[in-house]
Protein backbone atom coordinates (compact mmCIF):
# COMPACT_ATOMS: atom_id res chain seq x y z
CA MET A 1 66.60 96.56 99.64
CA LYS A 2 67.71 100.17 99.36
CA ARG A 3 67.01 101.60 95.94
CA SER A 4 70.02 102.70 93.91
CA PHE A 5 70.22 105.68 91.58
CA SER A 6 72.79 106.51 88.95
CA LEU A 7 75.39 109.19 89.62
CA ARG A 8 73.99 111.19 86.70
CA THR A 9 70.55 111.21 88.35
CA ARG A 10 72.09 112.25 91.63
CA VAL A 11 73.96 115.09 89.93
CA ALA A 12 70.75 116.28 88.26
CA ALA A 13 68.83 116.00 91.54
CA ALA A 14 71.55 117.87 93.41
CA THR A 15 71.51 120.60 90.75
CA ALA A 16 67.72 120.85 90.96
CA LEU A 17 67.83 120.99 94.75
CA GLY A 18 70.49 123.67 94.70
CA ALA A 19 68.57 125.67 92.12
CA THR A 20 65.34 125.32 94.16
CA ILE A 21 67.02 126.63 97.30
CA ILE A 22 68.50 129.60 95.43
CA VAL A 23 65.25 130.36 93.58
CA VAL A 24 63.16 130.17 96.77
CA ALA A 25 65.58 132.45 98.62
CA LEU A 26 65.70 134.94 95.76
CA GLY A 27 61.91 134.68 95.29
CA ILE A 28 61.29 135.62 98.90
CA LEU A 29 63.65 138.58 98.62
CA VAL A 30 62.09 139.69 95.33
CA ALA A 31 58.54 139.31 96.69
CA LEU A 32 59.40 141.46 99.67
CA ALA A 33 61.05 144.01 97.43
CA ILE A 34 57.98 144.10 95.12
CA ASN A 35 55.69 144.57 98.08
CA ARG A 36 57.79 147.40 99.44
CA ASN A 37 58.10 149.01 96.00
CA ASN A 38 54.36 148.91 95.26
CA LEU A 39 53.54 150.25 98.71
CA SER A 40 56.08 153.01 98.21
CA GLN A 41 54.48 153.94 94.86
CA LEU A 42 51.04 154.04 96.48
CA ASP A 43 52.41 156.30 99.22
CA ARG A 44 53.88 158.65 96.64
CA ARG A 45 50.53 158.84 94.82
CA LEU A 46 48.78 159.75 98.08
CA GLU A 47 51.44 162.32 98.87
CA THR A 48 51.05 163.86 95.40
CA ALA A 49 47.27 164.04 95.81
CA SER A 50 47.70 165.71 99.20
CA ASP A 51 49.96 168.34 97.66
CA VAL A 52 47.01 169.35 95.45
CA LEU A 53 44.33 169.04 98.09
CA VAL A 54 45.99 170.78 101.06
CA PRO A 55 46.26 174.28 99.44
CA ASN A 56 42.60 173.99 98.40
CA ALA A 57 41.27 172.62 101.65
CA ALA A 58 38.91 175.59 102.20
CA THR A 59 37.10 175.16 98.87
CA ALA A 60 37.29 171.35 98.92
CA GLY A 61 35.04 171.25 101.92
CA LEU A 62 32.18 172.86 99.90
CA PHE A 63 31.74 169.86 97.60
CA LEU A 64 33.49 167.01 99.45
CA GLY A 65 30.45 166.06 101.47
CA ALA A 66 28.35 165.66 98.37
CA LEU A 67 31.02 163.65 96.55
CA GLY A 68 30.48 159.93 96.52
CA ASP A 69 33.65 157.80 96.84
CA LYS A 70 32.02 154.40 96.16
CA GLY A 71 34.83 152.90 98.22
CA ALA A 72 37.47 153.83 95.65
CA PHE A 73 39.00 156.49 97.88
CA ALA A 74 38.33 158.32 101.12
CA ILE A 75 39.02 161.91 102.26
CA THR A 76 38.40 163.19 105.75
CA ILE A 77 39.14 166.71 107.06
CA ARG A 78 39.31 167.10 110.83
CA SER A 79 40.03 169.92 113.22
CA ALA A 80 43.54 170.61 114.40
CA GLY A 81 43.11 168.31 117.40
CA GLY A 82 41.67 165.59 115.21
CA ASP A 83 38.54 165.13 117.31
CA THR A 84 36.02 166.95 115.15
CA VAL A 85 35.19 165.96 111.57
CA LEU A 86 34.79 169.07 109.46
CA VAL A 87 33.98 167.31 106.19
CA SER A 88 34.37 163.81 104.74
CA THR A 89 33.50 161.51 101.93
CA PRO A 90 30.91 158.84 102.69
CA THR A 91 33.86 156.59 103.72
CA ARG A 92 35.09 158.29 106.87
CA LEU A 93 38.63 157.73 108.08
CA PRO A 94 39.43 157.51 111.78
CA PRO A 95 41.65 160.08 113.53
CA LEU A 96 45.19 159.67 112.21
CA GLU A 97 48.56 161.18 112.98
CA PRO A 98 50.42 163.01 110.18
CA GLY A 99 52.25 160.57 107.87
CA TRP A 100 51.53 157.19 106.26
CA GLU A 101 49.51 154.49 107.95
CA SER A 102 47.45 151.41 107.14
CA VAL A 103 43.95 151.45 108.66
CA ASP A 104 40.84 149.27 108.63
CA VAL A 105 37.54 150.99 107.77
CA ASN A 106 34.34 148.92 107.90
CA GLY A 107 36.30 145.74 107.25
CA THR A 108 38.27 147.18 104.32
CA LYS A 109 41.99 147.82 104.60
CA TYR A 110 43.11 151.28 103.41
CA ARG A 111 46.45 152.94 102.94
CA ALA A 112 46.20 156.52 104.25
CA PHE A 113 48.30 159.68 104.25
CA THR A 114 47.62 162.51 106.68
CA ALA A 115 48.86 166.09 106.28
CA THR A 116 48.28 169.39 108.19
CA THR A 117 47.18 172.55 106.36
CA PRO A 118 49.70 175.35 106.97
CA PHE A 119 47.23 178.19 107.68
CA LEU A 120 44.01 176.55 108.91
CA GLY A 121 45.77 173.93 111.06
CA THR A 122 43.31 171.27 110.03
CA ARG A 123 44.25 167.65 109.27
CA ILE A 124 43.47 166.19 105.89
CA SER A 125 43.59 162.37 105.54
CA LEU A 126 43.55 160.73 102.11
CA ALA A 127 43.25 156.96 101.61
CA VAL A 128 42.80 154.37 98.90
CA PRO A 129 42.03 150.64 99.32
CA TYR A 130 45.14 148.62 100.16
CA SER A 131 44.06 146.02 97.62
CA GLU A 132 44.99 148.40 94.83
CA ALA A 133 48.65 147.82 95.64
CA GLN A 134 48.13 144.25 96.84
CA ASP A 135 46.62 143.09 93.55
CA VAL A 136 49.59 144.40 91.61
CA THR A 137 51.97 142.84 94.12
CA THR A 138 50.23 139.45 93.92
CA GLU A 139 50.38 139.43 90.13
CA GLN A 140 54.05 140.31 90.09
CA GLN A 141 54.85 137.70 92.73
CA ARG A 142 52.97 135.11 90.69
CA GLN A 143 55.13 135.98 87.71
CA VAL A 144 58.27 135.66 89.87
CA ALA A 145 57.12 132.22 91.07
CA LEU A 146 56.51 131.09 87.49
CA VAL A 147 59.95 132.26 86.46
CA GLY A 148 61.42 130.42 89.47
CA VAL A 149 59.72 127.15 88.51
CA LEU A 150 61.00 127.49 84.96
CA ALA A 151 64.50 128.19 86.29
CA VAL A 152 64.44 125.06 88.47
CA ALA A 153 63.23 122.97 85.53
CA ALA A 154 65.95 124.42 83.30
CA ALA A 155 68.58 123.79 85.97
CA SER A 156 67.44 120.18 86.31
CA GLY A 157 67.61 119.66 82.58
CA LEU A 158 71.05 121.21 82.34
CA GLY A 159 72.17 119.17 85.36
CA TRP A 160 71.05 116.00 83.62
CA LEU A 161 72.73 117.06 80.37
CA PHE A 162 76.05 118.15 81.81
CA GLY A 163 75.95 115.51 84.56
CA GLY A 164 76.19 112.84 81.88
CA ARG A 165 79.37 114.41 80.55
CA ALA A 166 80.75 114.88 84.06
CA VAL A 167 80.31 111.23 85.06
CA ARG A 168 81.39 109.80 81.69
CA PRO A 169 85.01 109.24 82.89
CA LEU A 170 83.66 107.20 85.82
CA VAL A 171 81.45 105.18 83.48
CA ASP A 172 84.43 104.55 81.21
CA LEU A 173 86.55 103.59 84.21
CA THR A 174 83.92 101.10 85.36
CA GLY A 175 83.88 99.53 81.92
CA ARG A 176 87.66 99.22 81.88
CA ILE A 177 87.64 97.61 85.32
CA VAL A 178 84.98 95.13 84.16
CA ARG A 179 87.10 94.37 81.07
CA ARG A 180 90.13 93.90 83.35
CA ASP A 181 92.21 96.45 81.45
CA PRO A 182 95.82 96.14 82.69
CA GLU A 183 96.34 99.91 82.61
CA LEU A 184 93.58 102.06 84.12
CA THR A 185 95.24 105.47 83.92
CA PRO A 186 96.85 105.78 80.50
CA ALA A 187 95.98 109.50 80.29
CA SER A 188 94.25 112.19 82.28
CA SER A 189 90.48 112.23 81.88
CA GLY A 190 90.17 115.86 82.94
CA VAL A 191 88.13 114.93 86.02
CA ARG A 192 90.26 114.91 89.16
CA GLU A 193 88.04 112.54 91.12
CA ALA A 194 87.95 110.07 88.22
CA ASP A 195 91.74 110.17 87.85
CA GLU A 196 92.23 109.67 91.59
CA LEU A 197 89.73 106.80 91.59
CA ALA A 198 91.42 105.23 88.57
CA SER A 199 94.81 105.48 90.24
CA ALA A 200 93.47 104.01 93.48
CA ALA A 201 91.66 101.21 91.62
CA GLU A 202 94.75 100.41 89.58
CA SER A 203 96.88 100.28 92.73
CA MET A 204 94.30 98.09 94.47
CA LEU A 205 93.99 95.71 91.51
CA ARG A 206 97.77 95.54 91.25
CA ASP A 207 97.99 94.67 94.94
CA VAL A 208 95.24 92.08 94.52
CA ALA A 209 97.05 90.58 91.52
CA GLU A 210 100.34 90.48 93.42
CA ALA A 211 98.62 88.95 96.44
CA GLN A 212 96.93 86.41 94.17
CA ASP A 213 100.26 85.54 92.55
CA ALA A 214 101.88 85.26 95.97
CA THR A 215 99.03 83.08 97.20
CA THR A 216 99.26 80.89 94.11
CA ALA A 217 103.01 80.57 94.55
CA ALA A 218 102.57 79.82 98.26
CA LEU A 219 99.96 77.17 97.51
CA ALA A 220 102.21 75.64 94.87
CA THR A 221 105.11 75.65 97.33
CA ALA A 222 102.88 74.18 100.02
CA ARG A 223 101.72 71.44 97.67
CA ASP A 224 105.26 70.62 96.64
CA PHE A 225 106.44 70.78 100.24
CA ALA A 226 103.59 68.54 101.37
CA ALA A 227 104.29 66.07 98.57
CA VAL A 228 108.01 65.91 99.36
CA SER A 229 107.28 65.69 103.10
CA ALA A 230 104.87 62.83 102.49
CA HIS A 231 107.52 61.07 100.39
CA GLU A 232 110.19 61.56 103.04
CA LEU A 233 107.91 60.25 105.79
CA ARG A 234 106.55 57.41 103.67
CA THR A 235 109.96 55.78 103.30
CA PRO A 236 110.64 55.15 107.01
CA LEU A 237 106.98 54.40 107.67
CA THR A 238 107.02 51.79 104.92
CA ALA A 239 110.14 50.27 106.42
CA MET A 240 108.47 50.20 109.84
CA ARG A 241 105.40 48.46 108.39
CA THR A 242 107.59 45.88 106.65
CA ASP A 243 109.43 45.19 109.90
CA LEU A 244 106.14 44.81 111.77
CA GLU A 245 104.80 42.40 109.13
CA VAL A 246 107.98 40.33 109.40
CA LEU A 247 107.62 40.24 113.17
CA THR A 248 104.00 39.08 112.98
CA THR A 249 104.27 36.58 110.10
CA HIS A 250 107.65 34.89 110.62
CA GLN A 251 109.23 32.82 113.31
CA LEU A 252 112.41 34.76 114.13
CA THR A 253 115.27 34.11 116.42
CA ALA A 254 116.02 36.46 119.29
CA ALA A 255 118.92 37.99 117.34
CA GLN A 256 116.76 38.58 114.29
CA GLN A 257 114.03 40.17 116.40
CA HIS A 258 116.60 42.37 118.10
CA GLU A 259 117.88 43.56 114.69
CA ILE A 260 114.34 44.34 113.50
CA PHE A 261 113.64 46.25 116.70
CA ARG A 262 116.79 48.28 116.16
CA ASP A 263 115.67 49.00 112.60
CA LEU A 264 112.26 50.08 113.90
CA ILE A 265 113.89 52.44 116.40
CA ARG A 266 116.03 53.97 113.66
CA ALA A 267 112.99 54.47 111.40
CA GLN A 268 110.97 55.93 114.26
CA GLY A 269 113.82 58.32 115.07
CA ARG A 270 113.98 59.42 111.45
CA VAL A 271 110.23 60.11 111.41
CA GLU A 272 110.45 62.02 114.67
CA SER A 273 113.46 64.01 113.43
CA THR A 274 111.68 64.90 110.20
CA LEU A 275 108.54 66.03 112.03
CA SER A 276 110.58 68.11 114.47
CA ASP A 277 112.46 69.83 111.65
CA LEU A 278 109.21 70.47 109.79
CA GLU A 279 107.83 72.08 112.93
CA ARG A 280 110.93 74.27 113.22
CA LEU A 281 110.63 75.32 109.58
CA ALA A 282 106.98 76.27 110.08
CA ARG A 283 107.82 78.17 113.26
CA GLY A 284 110.46 80.12 111.35
CA GLU A 285 107.96 81.03 108.62
CA LEU A 286 105.61 82.42 111.29
CA SER A 287 108.22 84.58 113.03
CA THR A 288 107.54 88.32 113.48
CA ASP A 289 109.53 91.42 114.40
CA GLN A 290 108.54 90.92 118.04
CA ASP A 291 110.66 87.76 118.09
CA PHE A 292 113.87 89.79 117.56
CA VAL A 293 115.64 90.92 120.73
CA ASP A 294 119.15 91.95 121.76
CA CYS A 295 121.09 88.83 122.61
CA ASP A 296 124.66 87.83 123.49
CA LEU A 297 125.86 85.83 120.50
CA VAL A 298 129.01 84.57 122.27
CA ASP A 299 126.90 83.15 125.08
CA ILE A 300 124.69 81.34 122.54
CA CYS A 301 127.81 79.87 120.90
CA ASP A 302 129.18 78.69 124.26
CA LEU A 303 125.92 76.95 125.15
CA ALA A 304 125.73 75.28 121.73
CA ALA A 305 129.34 74.11 122.06
CA ASP A 306 128.76 72.66 125.54
CA ASP A 307 125.62 70.77 124.48
CA ALA A 308 127.33 69.44 121.33
CA MET A 309 130.28 68.02 123.28
CA ARG A 310 127.88 66.45 125.80
CA HIS A 311 125.83 64.74 123.07
CA HIS A 312 128.85 63.74 120.96
CA PRO A 313 131.60 62.28 123.17
CA GLY A 314 135.06 62.81 121.71
CA LEU A 315 134.05 65.99 119.85
CA GLN A 316 135.98 69.19 120.55
CA VAL A 317 134.24 72.51 119.88
CA THR A 318 136.05 75.83 120.31
CA VAL A 319 134.63 79.33 120.15
CA ASP A 320 136.85 82.13 118.89
CA ALA A 321 134.96 85.42 119.03
CA VAL A 322 134.91 89.09 119.80
CA PRO A 323 132.10 89.64 122.33
CA LEU A 324 129.09 90.78 120.34
CA THR A 325 125.49 91.57 120.99
CA VAL A 326 123.12 91.19 118.04
CA ARG A 327 119.52 91.93 117.27
CA GLY A 328 118.07 88.55 116.43
CA MET A 329 116.06 85.53 117.48
CA PRO A 330 117.95 83.62 120.19
CA GLY A 331 116.15 80.37 119.39
CA GLY A 332 116.84 80.72 115.67
CA LEU A 333 120.54 81.50 116.21
CA ARG A 334 120.89 78.54 118.56
CA LEU A 335 119.09 76.31 116.05
CA THR A 336 121.55 77.44 113.35
CA LEU A 337 124.59 76.51 115.44
CA ASP A 338 123.11 73.19 116.61
CA ASN A 339 122.32 72.11 113.05
CA ALA A 340 125.70 73.24 111.76
CA ILE A 341 127.57 71.21 114.39
CA THR A 342 125.28 68.19 114.08
CA ASN A 343 125.62 68.22 110.30
CA ALA A 344 129.43 68.29 110.56
CA VAL A 345 129.49 65.38 113.03
CA ARG A 346 126.72 63.19 111.60
CA HIS A 347 127.42 63.54 107.87
CA GLY A 348 131.03 64.71 107.81
CA GLY A 349 132.40 62.58 110.61
CA ALA A 350 134.08 65.62 112.19
CA THR A 351 135.88 65.35 115.54
CA ALA A 352 136.82 69.04 115.84
CA VAL A 353 134.66 72.10 115.21
CA ARG A 354 135.67 75.75 115.52
CA ILE A 355 133.10 78.58 115.73
CA THR A 356 134.35 82.05 114.82
CA LEU A 357 132.43 85.31 115.24
CA ARG A 358 133.36 88.62 113.70
CA ALA A 359 131.69 91.91 112.80
CA VAL A 360 132.13 93.07 109.21
CA ASP A 361 130.76 96.56 108.57
CA ASP A 362 127.06 96.33 109.44
CA ALA A 363 126.93 92.52 109.43
CA THR A 364 127.79 89.70 111.80
CA VAL A 365 129.52 86.65 110.31
CA ILE A 366 129.38 83.23 111.97
CA THR A 367 131.95 80.74 110.64
CA VAL A 368 131.77 77.04 111.55
CA ASP A 369 134.88 75.03 110.51
CA ASP A 370 135.25 71.26 110.91
CA ASN A 371 137.79 68.57 110.11
CA GLY A 372 135.26 66.19 108.54
CA SER A 373 134.86 64.96 104.98
CA GLY A 374 133.56 68.31 103.73
CA VAL A 375 130.96 69.13 101.09
CA PRO A 376 131.72 68.62 97.38
CA ASP A 377 131.83 71.83 95.34
CA ALA A 378 129.00 70.67 93.07
CA GLU A 379 126.67 70.19 96.05
CA ARG A 380 127.37 73.34 98.08
CA THR A 381 124.22 75.04 96.84
CA GLN A 382 121.83 72.10 96.65
CA VAL A 383 122.48 70.95 100.23
CA PHE A 384 120.52 73.98 101.53
CA GLU A 385 117.39 72.79 99.74
CA ARG A 386 114.71 70.99 101.72
CA PHE A 387 115.09 67.21 101.90
CA HIS A 388 118.28 67.30 99.82
CA ARG A 389 121.03 64.99 101.04
CA GLY A 390 124.58 65.16 99.87
CA THR A 391 126.63 62.20 98.73
CA ASN A 392 128.37 62.10 102.11
CA ALA A 393 125.12 62.30 104.12
CA THR A 394 123.93 59.37 106.19
CA SER A 395 120.43 57.96 105.85
CA SER A 396 119.46 58.92 109.41
CA GLY A 397 118.92 62.61 108.74
CA SER A 398 115.75 64.37 107.66
CA GLY A 399 117.39 66.44 104.93
CA LEU A 400 116.18 69.63 106.62
CA GLY A 401 119.11 70.61 108.84
CA LEU A 402 120.88 72.90 106.38
CA ALA A 403 117.50 74.14 105.09
CA LEU A 404 116.83 75.37 108.62
CA VAL A 405 120.24 77.10 108.64
CA ALA A 406 119.46 78.84 105.35
CA GLN A 407 116.01 79.85 106.61
CA GLN A 408 117.36 81.42 109.79
CA ALA A 409 120.05 83.27 107.86
CA ALA A 410 117.39 84.67 105.54
CA LEU A 411 115.18 85.67 108.48
CA HIS A 412 118.16 87.65 109.81
CA GLY A 413 118.64 89.35 106.45
CA GLY A 414 121.63 87.29 105.39
CA ARG A 415 122.60 84.05 103.72
CA ALA A 416 124.50 80.83 104.30
CA HIS A 417 127.11 79.17 102.09
CA PHE A 418 129.96 76.66 102.20
CA GLU A 419 133.69 77.23 101.65
CA ASP A 420 136.85 75.18 102.09
CA SER A 421 137.96 74.93 105.71
CA PRO A 422 141.56 75.28 106.91
CA LEU A 423 140.79 72.34 109.22
CA GLY A 424 140.40 70.12 106.15
CA GLY A 425 136.63 69.72 106.14
CA ALA A 426 133.81 72.17 105.41
CA ARG A 427 133.44 75.81 106.40
CA LEU A 428 129.86 76.97 106.87
CA VAL A 429 129.56 80.76 106.67
CA VAL A 430 126.37 82.38 108.02
CA GLU A 431 125.98 86.12 107.39
CA LEU A 432 123.49 88.07 109.50
CA HIS A 433 123.06 91.38 107.68
CA SER A 434 119.99 92.47 109.64
CA ALA A 435 121.66 91.88 112.99
CA ASP A 436 122.73 95.09 114.69
CA ALA A 437 126.18 93.95 115.74
CA HIS A 438 128.36 96.01 118.06
CA PRO A 439 130.94 95.28 120.79
CA MET A 440 129.37 94.73 124.18
CA PRO A 441 130.15 97.59 126.62
CA HIS A 442 132.90 97.27 129.22
CA LEU A 443 134.33 94.17 127.53
CA PRO A 444 137.73 93.99 125.79
CA ALA A 445 137.43 93.88 121.98
CA GLN A 446 139.93 91.11 121.35
CA ASN A 447 139.90 87.50 120.20
CA ALA A 448 139.03 85.15 122.99
CA THR A 449 138.67 81.46 123.36
CA SER A 450 135.55 80.25 125.12
CA PRO A 451 136.08 79.59 128.84
CA ALA A 452 134.87 76.07 128.19
CA SER A 453 138.10 75.23 126.30
CA PRO A 454 139.56 72.87 125.47
CA ARG A 455 136.84 71.73 123.11
């Protein structure tokens, strides 16, 4: 498992690393500068000594040969060409060109300066051991290294000290998150990263809380929906079981058996209808933006009217509409019309239905009028609830037809509601606010009755 370190430790380590890099870089530069400075001082000392020795070169040769250098210095005087040694200390320097130069004599490194006498034309070379400057340089570089180590240690300590203060807002934020504080950014902490993190964490926790509430609500709705669905399915299933028990345990006449079979068929149809409507509700909940396309609403109304009159002999359905194209779900719009017509016929006993389409501002309004028994004022809101049946509803329905109408209206950004109908029954009004309604091109914008009339 990868080892974890605190942010304070990382800040201190980063400070120490940064300080080490800077100190090493500066130490190298300072060491080079010290070396150059000490060498330059040694060169100036040799040059100063040559200024004294060159004017006295003639007399210096009288005693130079007898002078012992003991390796502390070396002086060699050569002819103008540099080939012949005129006089020298016991440590003899090799032939050198005028100027400064580092040479090796008998395994010892010397720093030498060579000058030419103005009148005699001889070359005088002076040298001292290179170690004289190197020892001073080494000592000074050692001192620089010591100061660098102390600087790194001080930087690490200060990084640890100030790092604690720098990360304190993050530590406080962590504690508040652990305590589940509802407000994570009551005031600025003075640290931009901490404030940004607090804002992001607060937003994330808020989203998580909202998602949790939505999930809880969805689960509660699902539980309630499942419970009601089970109740609605249990009733016809119980009736079917009772009929089957009667068939298997009693001696029945042919007429009685025929009646029980009819009752079984009705119960089975109710179960099938309920399951189909539940499937349609679930499909509507899973719809996406990709399901919305441009569709001819008048054509959908015509098809719904034709199918309704074919399934309900004696029913007349008319379509009065301005040709419109809408952005919607063709299947959902067709489902809305089918359920509206079926509801009027099955529960209202309607024999005439009129579908009207019109565009109002940015919305499309579908109006379905019928001449049935209508919907009582007190029930015009409740009938859109799942499994709710009005007082005029028959027992054969699933109680989901108008719930499907309300769902599709909501999916299209609108709503559904009931009003009084001029035909004497109910008027179902479906508003599609999200539908992008506009007259279809090259078609007359006038009221028209569906070509399938009379309906």
